[in-house]
Amino acid sequence: SKESLGDLYEPLCAYLDTLMDGTSE
């Protein structure tokens, strides 16, 4: 959905990275 998300795409991917950093249960 990259095209539909527009400017939201990069922030969403960045947030997803925080869920994989091993610091959260």
mmCIF file of all heavy atoms, coordinates in Angstrom:
data_MODEL
# 
_entry.id   MODEL 
# 
loop_
_atom_site.group_PDB 
_atom_site.id 
_atom_site.type_symbol 
_atom_site.label_atom_id 
_atom_site.label_alt_id 
_atom_site.label_comp_id 
_atom_site.label_asym_id 
_atom_site.label_entity_id 
_atom_site.label_seq_id 
_atom_site.pdbx_PDB_ins_code 
_atom_site.Cartn_x 
_atom_site.Cartn_y 
_atom_site.Cartn_z 
_atom_site.occupancy 
_atom_site.B_iso_or_equiv 
_atom_site.pdbx_formal_charge 
_atom_site.auth_seq_id 
_atom_site.auth_comp_id 
_atom_site.auth_asym_id 
_atom_site.auth_atom_id 
_atom_site.pdbx_PDB_model_num 
ATOM 1   N N   . SER A 1 1  ? 0.825  -1.214  0.000  1.00 0.00 ? 1  SER A N   1 
ATOM 2   C CA  . SER A 1 1  ? 0.000  0.000   0.000  1.00 0.00 ? 1  SER A CA  1 
ATOM 3   C C   . SER A 1 1  ? 0.860  1.265   0.000  1.00 0.00 ? 1  SER A C   1 
ATOM 4   O O   . SER A 1 1  ? 0.395  2.332   0.394  1.00 0.00 ? 1  SER A O   1 
ATOM 5   C CB  . SER A 1 1  ? -0.923 0.003   1.238  1.00 0.00 ? 1  SER A CB  1 
ATOM 6   O OG  . SER A 1 1  ? -1.735 -1.140  1.272  1.00 0.00 ? 1  SER A OG  1 
ATOM 7   N N   . LYS A 1 2  ? 2.101  1.131   -0.460 1.00 0.00 ? 2  LYS A N   1 
ATOM 8   C CA  . LYS A 1 2  ? 3.033  2.262   -0.388 1.00 0.00 ? 2  LYS A CA  1 
ATOM 9   C C   . LYS A 1 2  ? 2.480  3.503   -1.079 1.00 0.00 ? 2  LYS A C   1 
ATOM 10  O O   . LYS A 1 2  ? 2.527  4.616   -0.519 1.00 0.00 ? 2  LYS A O   1 
ATOM 11  C CB  . LYS A 1 2  ? 4.368  1.864   -1.004 1.00 0.00 ? 2  LYS A CB  1 
ATOM 12  C CG  . LYS A 1 2  ? 5.429  2.955   -0.919 1.00 0.00 ? 2  LYS A CG  1 
ATOM 13  C CD  . LYS A 1 2  ? 6.775  2.456   -1.435 1.00 0.00 ? 2  LYS A CD  1 
ATOM 14  C CE  . LYS A 1 2  ? 7.840  3.538   -1.299 1.00 0.00 ? 2  LYS A CE  1 
ATOM 15  N NZ  . LYS A 1 2  ? 9.168  3.040   -1.778 1.00 0.00 ? 2  LYS A NZ  1 
ATOM 16  N N   . GLU A 1 3  ? 1.938  3.339   -2.273 1.00 0.00 ? 3  GLU A N   1 
ATOM 17  C CA  . GLU A 1 3  ? 1.438  4.508   -3.002 1.00 0.00 ? 3  GLU A CA  1 
ATOM 18  C C   . GLU A 1 3  ? 0.247  5.140   -2.285 1.00 0.00 ? 3  GLU A C   1 
ATOM 19  O O   . GLU A 1 3  ? 0.138  6.364   -2.199 1.00 0.00 ? 3  GLU A O   1 
ATOM 20  C CB  . GLU A 1 3  ? 1.055  4.107   -4.431 1.00 0.00 ? 3  GLU A CB  1 
ATOM 21  C CG  . GLU A 1 3  ? 2.249  3.713   -5.293 1.00 0.00 ? 3  GLU A CG  1 
ATOM 22  C CD  . GLU A 1 3  ? 1.840  3.455   -6.734 1.00 0.00 ? 3  GLU A CD  1 
ATOM 23  O OE1 . GLU A 1 3  ? 0.666  3.704   -7.064 1.00 0.00 ? 3  GLU A OE1 1 
ATOM 24  O OE2 . GLU A 1 3  ? 2.693  3.007   -7.521 1.00 0.00 ? 3  GLU A OE2 1 
ATOM 25  N N   . SER A 1 4  ? -0.636 4.312   -1.770 1.00 0.00 ? 4  SER A N   1 
ATOM 26  C CA  . SER A 1 4  ? -1.815 4.842   -1.080 1.00 0.00 ? 4  SER A CA  1 
ATOM 27  C C   . SER A 1 4  ? -1.434 5.536   0.225  1.00 0.00 ? 4  SER A C   1 
ATOM 28  O O   . SER A 1 4  ? -2.057 6.539   0.612  1.00 0.00 ? 4  SER A O   1 
ATOM 29  C CB  . SER A 1 4  ? -2.804 3.705   -0.779 1.00 0.00 ? 4  SER A CB  1 
ATOM 30  O OG  . SER A 1 4  ? -3.223 3.068   -1.961 1.00 0.00 ? 4  SER A OG  1 
ATOM 31  N N   . LEU A 1 5  ? -0.417 5.034   0.895  1.00 0.00 ? 5  LEU A N   1 
ATOM 32  C CA  . LEU A 1 5  ? -0.022 5.619   2.176  1.00 0.00 ? 5  LEU A CA  1 
ATOM 33  C C   . LEU A 1 5  ? 0.690  6.954   2.020  1.00 0.00 ? 5  LEU A C   1 
ATOM 34  O O   . LEU A 1 5  ? 0.640  7.799   2.918  1.00 0.00 ? 5  LEU A O   1 
ATOM 35  C CB  . LEU A 1 5  ? 0.892  4.634   2.927  1.00 0.00 ? 5  LEU A CB  1 
ATOM 36  C CG  . LEU A 1 5  ? 0.199  3.384   3.476  1.00 0.00 ? 5  LEU A CG  1 
ATOM 37  C CD1 . LEU A 1 5  ? 1.242  2.370   3.945  1.00 0.00 ? 5  LEU A CD1 1 
ATOM 38  C CD2 . LEU A 1 5  ? -0.739 3.749   4.617  1.00 0.00 ? 5  LEU A CD2 1 
ATOM 39  N N   . GLY A 1 6  ? 1.352  7.135   0.910  1.00 0.00 ? 6  GLY A N   1 
ATOM 40  C CA  . GLY A 1 6  ? 2.030  8.409   0.665  1.00 0.00 ? 6  GLY A CA  1 
ATOM 41  C C   . GLY A 1 6  ? 3.056  8.722   1.737  1.00 0.00 ? 6  GLY A C   1 
ATOM 42  O O   . GLY A 1 6  ? 3.947  7.928   2.037  1.00 0.00 ? 6  GLY A O   1 
ATOM 43  N N   . ASP A 1 7  ? 2.912  9.900   2.383  1.00 0.00 ? 7  ASP A N   1 
ATOM 44  C CA  . ASP A 1 7  ? 3.875  10.357  3.391  1.00 0.00 ? 7  ASP A CA  1 
ATOM 45  C C   . ASP A 1 7  ? 3.851  9.519   4.666  1.00 0.00 ? 7  ASP A C   1 
ATOM 46  O O   . ASP A 1 7  ? 4.766  9.636   5.494  1.00 0.00 ? 7  ASP A O   1 
ATOM 47  C CB  . ASP A 1 7  ? 3.602  11.821  3.753  1.00 0.00 ? 7  ASP A CB  1 
ATOM 48  C CG  . ASP A 1 7  ? 3.879  12.762  2.594  1.00 0.00 ? 7  ASP A CG  1 
ATOM 49  O OD1 . ASP A 1 7  ? 4.622  12.367  1.669  1.00 0.00 ? 7  ASP A OD1 1 
ATOM 50  O OD2 . ASP A 1 7  ? 3.339  13.892  2.607  1.00 0.00 ? 7  ASP A OD2 1 
ATOM 51  N N   . LEU A 1 8  ? 2.822  8.704   4.835  1.00 0.00 ? 8  LEU A N   1 
ATOM 52  C CA  . LEU A 1 8  ? 2.737  7.868   6.033  1.00 0.00 ? 8  LEU A CA  1 
ATOM 53  C C   . LEU A 1 8  ? 3.603  6.613   5.938  1.00 0.00 ? 8  LEU A C   1 
ATOM 54  O O   . LEU A 1 8  ? 3.870  5.967   6.947  1.00 0.00 ? 8  LEU A O   1 
ATOM 55  C CB  . LEU A 1 8  ? 1.288  7.437   6.292  1.00 0.00 ? 8  LEU A CB  1 
ATOM 56  C CG  . LEU A 1 8  ? 0.310  8.522   6.711  1.00 0.00 ? 8  LEU A CG  1 
ATOM 57  C CD1 . LEU A 1 8  ? -1.098 7.942   6.810  1.00 0.00 ? 8  LEU A CD1 1 
ATOM 58  C CD2 . LEU A 1 8  ? 0.720  9.121   8.060  1.00 0.00 ? 8  LEU A CD2 1 
ATOM 59  N N   . TYR A 1 9  ? 4.050  6.278   4.728  1.00 0.00 ? 9  TYR A N   1 
ATOM 60  C CA  . TYR A 1 9  ? 4.764  5.015   4.531  1.00 0.00 ? 9  TYR A CA  1 
ATOM 61  C C   . TYR A 1 9  ? 6.052  4.949   5.344  1.00 0.00 ? 9  TYR A C   1 
ATOM 62  O O   . TYR A 1 9  ? 6.282  3.974   6.085  1.00 0.00 ? 9  TYR A O   1 
ATOM 63  C CB  . TYR A 1 9  ? 5.065  4.808   3.044  1.00 0.00 ? 9  TYR A CB  1 
ATOM 64  C CG  . TYR A 1 9  ? 5.881  3.572   2.773  1.00 0.00 ? 9  TYR A CG  1 
ATOM 65  C CD1 . TYR A 1 9  ? 5.305  2.307   2.835  1.00 0.00 ? 9  TYR A CD1 1 
ATOM 66  C CD2 . TYR A 1 9  ? 7.245  3.665   2.464  1.00 0.00 ? 9  TYR A CD2 1 
ATOM 67  C CE1 . TYR A 1 9  ? 6.044  1.162   2.595  1.00 0.00 ? 9  TYR A CE1 1 
ATOM 68  C CE2 . TYR A 1 9  ? 7.997  2.522   2.218  1.00 0.00 ? 9  TYR A CE2 1 
ATOM 69  C CZ  . TYR A 1 9  ? 7.389  1.286   2.283  1.00 0.00 ? 9  TYR A CZ  1 
ATOM 70  O OH  . TYR A 1 9  ? 8.137  0.159   2.062  1.00 0.00 ? 9  TYR A OH  1 
ATOM 71  N N   . GLU A 1 10 ? 6.918  5.929   5.237  1.00 0.00 ? 10 GLU A N   1 
ATOM 72  C CA  . GLU A 1 10 ? 8.200  5.907   5.938  1.00 0.00 ? 10 GLU A CA  1 
ATOM 73  C C   . GLU A 1 10 ? 8.019  5.908   7.456  1.00 0.00 ? 10 GLU A C   1 
ATOM 74  O O   . GLU A 1 10 ? 8.674  5.124   8.163  1.00 0.00 ? 10 GLU A O   1 
ATOM 75  C CB  . GLU A 1 10 ? 9.074  7.082   5.491  1.00 0.00 ? 10 GLU A CB  1 
ATOM 76  C CG  . GLU A 1 10 ? 9.541  6.990   4.036  1.00 0.00 ? 10 GLU A CG  1 
ATOM 77  C CD  . GLU A 1 10 ? 10.420 5.768   3.787  1.00 0.00 ? 10 GLU A CD  1 
ATOM 78  O OE1 . GLU A 1 10 ? 11.012 5.244   4.756  1.00 0.00 ? 10 GLU A OE1 1 
ATOM 79  O OE2 . GLU A 1 10 ? 10.505 5.327   2.628  1.00 0.00 ? 10 GLU A OE2 1 
ATOM 80  N N   . PRO A 1 11 ? 7.156  6.771   8.029  1.00 0.00 ? 11 PRO A N   1 
ATOM 81  C CA  . PRO A 1 11 ? 6.945  6.712   9.488  1.00 0.00 ? 11 PRO A CA  1 
ATOM 82  C C   . PRO A 1 11 ? 6.428  5.363   9.963  1.00 0.00 ? 11 PRO A C   1 
ATOM 83  O O   . PRO A 1 11 ? 6.820  4.891   11.040 1.00 0.00 ? 11 PRO A O   1 
ATOM 84  C CB  . PRO A 1 11 ? 5.916  7.820   9.739  1.00 0.00 ? 11 PRO A CB  1 
ATOM 85  C CG  . PRO A 1 11 ? 6.092  8.769   8.608  1.00 0.00 ? 11 PRO A CG  1 
ATOM 86  C CD  . PRO A 1 11 ? 6.442  7.911   7.430  1.00 0.00 ? 11 PRO A CD  1 
ATOM 87  N N   . LEU A 1 12 ? 5.556  4.734   9.177  1.00 0.00 ? 12 LEU A N   1 
ATOM 88  C CA  . LEU A 1 12 ? 5.042  3.422   9.561  1.00 0.00 ? 12 LEU A CA  1 
ATOM 89  C C   . LEU A 1 12 ? 6.162  2.387   9.609  1.00 0.00 ? 12 LEU A C   1 
ATOM 90  O O   . LEU A 1 12 ? 6.255  1.582   10.542 1.00 0.00 ? 12 LEU A O   1 
ATOM 91  C CB  . LEU A 1 12 ? 3.956  2.965   8.589  1.00 0.00 ? 12 LEU A CB  1 
ATOM 92  C CG  . LEU A 1 12 ? 2.545  3.461   8.840  1.00 0.00 ? 12 LEU A CG  1 
ATOM 93  C CD1 . LEU A 1 12 ? 1.623  3.031   7.700  1.00 0.00 ? 12 LEU A CD1 1 
ATOM 94  C CD2 . LEU A 1 12 ? 2.014  2.922   10.165 1.00 0.00 ? 12 LEU A CD2 1 
ATOM 95  N N   . CYS A 1 13 ? 7.029  2.414   8.583  1.00 0.00 ? 13 CYS A N   1 
ATOM 96  C CA  . CYS A 1 13 ? 8.147  1.466   8.558  1.00 0.00 ? 13 CYS A CA  1 
ATOM 97  C C   . CYS A 1 13 ? 9.112  1.725   9.706  1.00 0.00 ? 13 CYS A C   1 
ATOM 98  O O   . CYS A 1 13 ? 9.640  0.781   10.327 1.00 0.00 ? 13 CYS A O   1 
ATOM 99  C CB  . CYS A 1 13 ? 8.891  1.562   7.222  1.00 0.00 ? 13 CYS A CB  1 
ATOM 100 S SG  . CYS A 1 13 ? 7.945  0.931   5.814  1.00 0.00 ? 13 CYS A SG  1 
ATOM 101 N N   . ALA A 1 14 ? 9.336  3.003   10.020 1.00 0.00 ? 14 ALA A N   1 
ATOM 102 C CA  . ALA A 1 14 ? 10.228 3.342   11.131 1.00 0.00 ? 14 ALA A CA  1 
ATOM 103 C C   . ALA A 1 14 ? 9.651  2.854   12.454 1.00 0.00 ? 14 ALA A C   1 
ATOM 104 O O   . ALA A 1 14 ? 10.380 2.334   13.312 1.00 0.00 ? 14 ALA A O   1 
ATOM 105 C CB  . ALA A 1 14 ? 10.455 4.854   11.166 1.00 0.00 ? 14 ALA A CB  1 
ATOM 106 N N   . TYR A 1 15 ? 8.338  3.003   12.629 1.00 0.00 ? 15 TYR A N   1 
ATOM 107 C CA  . TYR A 1 15 ? 7.702  2.527   13.854 1.00 0.00 ? 15 TYR A CA  1 
ATOM 108 C C   . TYR A 1 15 ? 7.788  1.014   13.949 1.00 0.00 ? 15 TYR A C   1 
ATOM 109 O O   . TYR A 1 15 ? 8.021  0.451   15.024 1.00 0.00 ? 15 TYR A O   1 
ATOM 110 C CB  . TYR A 1 15 ? 6.247  2.970   13.904 1.00 0.00 ? 15 TYR A CB  1 
ATOM 111 C CG  . TYR A 1 15 ? 5.518  2.483   15.135 1.00 0.00 ? 15 TYR A CG  1 
ATOM 112 C CD1 . TYR A 1 15 ? 5.820  2.996   16.392 1.00 0.00 ? 15 TYR A CD1 1 
ATOM 113 C CD2 . TYR A 1 15 ? 4.555  1.489   15.041 1.00 0.00 ? 15 TYR A CD2 1 
ATOM 114 C CE1 . TYR A 1 15 ? 5.178  2.538   17.526 1.00 0.00 ? 15 TYR A CE1 1 
ATOM 115 C CE2 . TYR A 1 15 ? 3.903  1.021   16.175 1.00 0.00 ? 15 TYR A CE2 1 
ATOM 116 C CZ  . TYR A 1 15 ? 4.213  1.551   17.419 1.00 0.00 ? 15 TYR A CZ  1 
ATOM 117 O OH  . TYR A 1 15 ? 3.576  1.089   18.532 1.00 0.00 ? 15 TYR A OH  1 
ATOM 118 N N   . LEU A 1 16 ? 7.616  0.340   12.814 1.00 0.00 ? 16 LEU A N   1 
ATOM 119 C CA  . LEU A 1 16 ? 7.701  -1.121  12.802 1.00 0.00 ? 16 LEU A CA  1 
ATOM 120 C C   . LEU A 1 16 ? 9.086  -1.571  13.250 1.00 0.00 ? 16 LEU A C   1 
ATOM 121 O O   . LEU A 1 16 ? 9.230  -2.580  13.953 1.00 0.00 ? 16 LEU A O   1 
ATOM 122 C CB  . LEU A 1 16 ? 7.394  -1.642  11.401 1.00 0.00 ? 16 LEU A CB  1 
ATOM 123 C CG  . LEU A 1 16 ? 7.068  -3.124  11.260 1.00 0.00 ? 16 LEU A CG  1 
ATOM 124 C CD1 . LEU A 1 16 ? 5.875  -3.512  12.116 1.00 0.00 ? 16 LEU A CD1 1 
ATOM 125 C CD2 . LEU A 1 16 ? 6.786  -3.462  9.795  1.00 0.00 ? 16 LEU A CD2 1 
ATOM 126 N N   . ASP A 1 17 ? 10.127 -0.820  12.864 1.00 0.00 ? 17 ASP A N   1 
ATOM 127 C CA  . ASP A 1 17 ? 11.489 -1.155  13.276 1.00 0.00 ? 17 ASP A CA  1 
ATOM 128 C C   . ASP A 1 17 ? 11.632 -1.115  14.798 1.00 0.00 ? 17 ASP A C   1 
ATOM 129 O O   . ASP A 1 17 ? 12.374 -1.916  15.383 1.00 0.00 ? 17 ASP A O   1 
ATOM 130 C CB  . ASP A 1 17 ? 12.495 -0.184  12.642 1.00 0.00 ? 17 ASP A CB  1 
ATOM 131 C CG  . ASP A 1 17 ? 12.666 -0.431  11.154 1.00 0.00 ? 17 ASP A CG  1 
ATOM 132 O OD1 . ASP A 1 17 ? 12.367 -1.552  10.695 1.00 0.00 ? 17 ASP A OD1 1 
ATOM 133 O OD2 . ASP A 1 17 ? 13.078 0.511   10.443 1.00 0.00 ? 17 ASP A OD2 1 
ATOM 134 N N   . THR A 1 18 ? 10.913 -0.196  15.445 1.00 0.00 ? 18 THR A N   1 
ATOM 135 C CA  . THR A 1 18 ? 11.010 -0.107  16.910 1.00 0.00 ? 18 THR A CA  1 
ATOM 136 C C   . THR A 1 18 ? 10.393 -1.320  17.582 1.00 0.00 ? 18 THR A C   1 
ATOM 137 O O   . THR A 1 18 ? 10.734 -1.639  18.731 1.00 0.00 ? 18 THR A O   1 
ATOM 138 C CB  . THR A 1 18 ? 10.311 1.156   17.441 1.00 0.00 ? 18 THR A CB  1 
ATOM 139 O OG1 . THR A 1 18 ? 8.879  1.052   17.248 1.00 0.00 ? 18 THR A OG1 1 
ATOM 140 C CG2 . THR A 1 18 ? 10.821 2.401   16.728 1.00 0.00 ? 18 THR A CG2 1 
ATOM 141 N N   . LEU A 1 19 ? 9.488  -2.012  16.893 1.00 0.00 ? 19 LEU A N   1 
ATOM 142 C CA  . LEU A 1 19 ? 8.866  -3.203  17.466 1.00 0.00 ? 19 LEU A CA  1 
ATOM 143 C C   . LEU A 1 19 ? 9.749  -4.435  17.337 1.00 0.00 ? 19 LEU A C   1 
ATOM 144 O O   . LEU A 1 19 ? 9.432  -5.485  17.879 1.00 0.00 ? 19 LEU A O   1 
ATOM 145 C CB  . LEU A 1 19 ? 7.522  -3.484  16.776 1.00 0.00 ? 19 LEU A CB  1 
ATOM 146 C CG  . LEU A 1 19 ? 6.494  -2.356  16.812 1.00 0.00 ? 19 LEU A CG  1 
ATOM 147 C CD1 . LEU A 1 19 ? 5.197  -2.805  16.143 1.00 0.00 ? 19 LEU A CD1 1 
ATOM 148 C CD2 . LEU A 1 19 ? 6.223  -1.923  18.246 1.00 0.00 ? 19 LEU A CD2 1 
ATOM 149 N N   . MET A 1 20 ? 10.862 -4.297  16.606 1.00 0.00 ? 20 MET A N   1 
ATOM 150 C CA  . MET A 1 20 ? 11.766 -5.423  16.382 1.00 0.00 ? 20 MET A CA  1 
ATOM 151 C C   . MET A 1 20 ? 13.138 -5.186  17.001 1.00 0.00 ? 20 MET A C   1 
ATOM 152 O O   . MET A 1 20 ? 14.083 -5.921  16.722 1.00 0.00 ? 20 MET A O   1 
ATOM 153 C CB  . MET A 1 20 ? 11.923 -5.676  14.875 1.00 0.00 ? 20 MET A CB  1 
ATOM 154 C CG  . MET A 1 20 ? 10.639 -6.021  14.162 1.00 0.00 ? 20 MET A CG  1 
ATOM 155 S SD  . MET A 1 20 ? 10.885 -6.298  12.394 1.00 0.00 ? 20 MET A SD  1 
ATOM 156 C CE  . MET A 1 20 ? 11.922 -7.766  12.404 1.00 0.00 ? 20 MET A CE  1 
ATOM 157 N N   . ASP A 1 21 ? 13.262 -4.169  17.860 1.00 0.00 ? 21 ASP A N   1 
ATOM 158 C CA  . ASP A 1 21 ? 14.589 -3.839  18.386 1.00 0.00 ? 21 ASP A CA  1 
ATOM 159 C C   . ASP A 1 21 ? 14.971 -4.665  19.611 1.00 0.00 ? 21 ASP A C   1 
ATOM 160 O O   . ASP A 1 21 ? 16.056 -4.502  20.160 1.00 0.00 ? 21 ASP A O   1 
ATOM 161 C CB  . ASP A 1 21 ? 14.679 -2.343  18.710 1.00 0.00 ? 21 ASP A CB  1 
ATOM 162 C CG  . ASP A 1 21 ? 13.676 -1.906  19.778 1.00 0.00 ? 21 ASP A CG  1 
ATOM 163 O OD1 . ASP A 1 21 ? 13.004 -2.786  20.359 1.00 0.00 ? 21 ASP A OD1 1 
ATOM 164 O OD2 . ASP A 1 21 ? 13.564 -0.697  20.024 1.00 0.00 ? 21 ASP A OD2 1 
ATOM 165 N N   . GLY A 1 22 ? 14.077 -5.543  20.044 1.00 0.00 ? 22 GLY A N   1 
ATOM 166 C CA  . GLY A 1 22 ? 14.392 -6.432  21.161 1.00 0.00 ? 22 GLY A CA  1 
ATOM 167 C C   . GLY A 1 22 ? 14.215 -5.837  22.528 1.00 0.00 ? 22 GLY A C   1 
ATOM 168 O O   . GLY A 1 22 ? 14.480 -6.490  23.542 1.00 0.00 ? 22 GLY A O   1 
ATOM 169 N N   . THR A 1 23 ? 13.771 -4.583  22.598 1.00 0.00 ? 23 THR A N   1 
ATOM 170 C CA  . THR A 1 23 ? 13.624 -3.937  23.898 1.00 0.00 ? 23 THR A CA  1 
ATOM 171 C C   . THR A 1 23 ? 12.223 -4.079  24.475 1.00 0.00 ? 23 THR A C   1 
ATOM 172 O O   . THR A 1 23 ? 12.009 -3.797  25.651 1.00 0.00 ? 23 THR A O   1 
ATOM 173 C CB  . THR A 1 23 ? 13.949 -2.431  23.791 1.00 0.00 ? 23 THR A CB  1 
ATOM 174 O OG1 . THR A 1 23 ? 13.021 -1.811  22.873 1.00 0.00 ? 23 THR A OG1 1 
ATOM 175 C CG2 . THR A 1 23 ? 15.372 -2.226  23.281 1.00 0.00 ? 23 THR A CG2 1 
ATOM 176 N N   . SER A 1 24 ? 11.264 -4.496  23.646 1.00 0.00 ? 24 SER A N   1 
ATOM 177 C CA  . SER A 1 24 ? 9.891  -4.640  24.111 1.00 0.00 ? 24 SER A CA  1 
ATOM 178 C C   . SER A 1 24 ? 9.532  -6.120  24.228 1.00 0.00 ? 24 SER A C   1 
ATOM 179 O O   . SER A 1 24 ? 10.017 -6.955  23.463 1.00 0.00 ? 24 SER A O   1 
ATOM 180 C CB  . SER A 1 24 ? 8.915  -3.968  23.128 1.00 0.00 ? 24 SER A CB  1 
ATOM 181 O OG  . SER A 1 24 ? 9.201  -2.597  23.006 1.00 0.00 ? 24 SER A OG  1 
ATOM 182 N N   . GLU A 1 25 ? 8.687  -6.417  25.190 1.00 0.00 ? 25 GLU A N   1 
ATOM 183 C CA  . GLU A 1 25 ? 8.257  -7.800  25.377 1.00 0.00 ? 25 GLU A CA  1 
ATOM 184 C C   . GLU A 1 25 ? 7.311  -8.209  24.263 1.00 0.00 ? 25 GLU A C   1 
ATOM 185 O O   . GLU A 1 25 ? 6.383  -7.469  23.943 1.00 0.00 ? 25 GLU A O   1 
ATOM 186 C CB  . GLU A 1 25 ? 7.542  -7.947  26.717 1.00 0.00 ? 25 GLU A CB  1 
ATOM 187 C CG  . GLU A 1 25 ? 7.063  -9.357  27.011 1.00 0.00 ? 25 GLU A CG  1 
ATOM 188 C CD  . GLU A 1 25 ? 6.284  -9.446  28.311 1.00 0.00 ? 25 GLU A CD  1 
ATOM 189 O OE1 . GLU A 1 25 ? 6.218  -8.423  29.025 1.00 0.00 ? 25 GLU A OE1 1 
ATOM 190 O OE2 . GLU A 1 25 ? 5.720  -10.525 28.604 1.00 0.00 ? 25 GLU A OE2 1 
# 
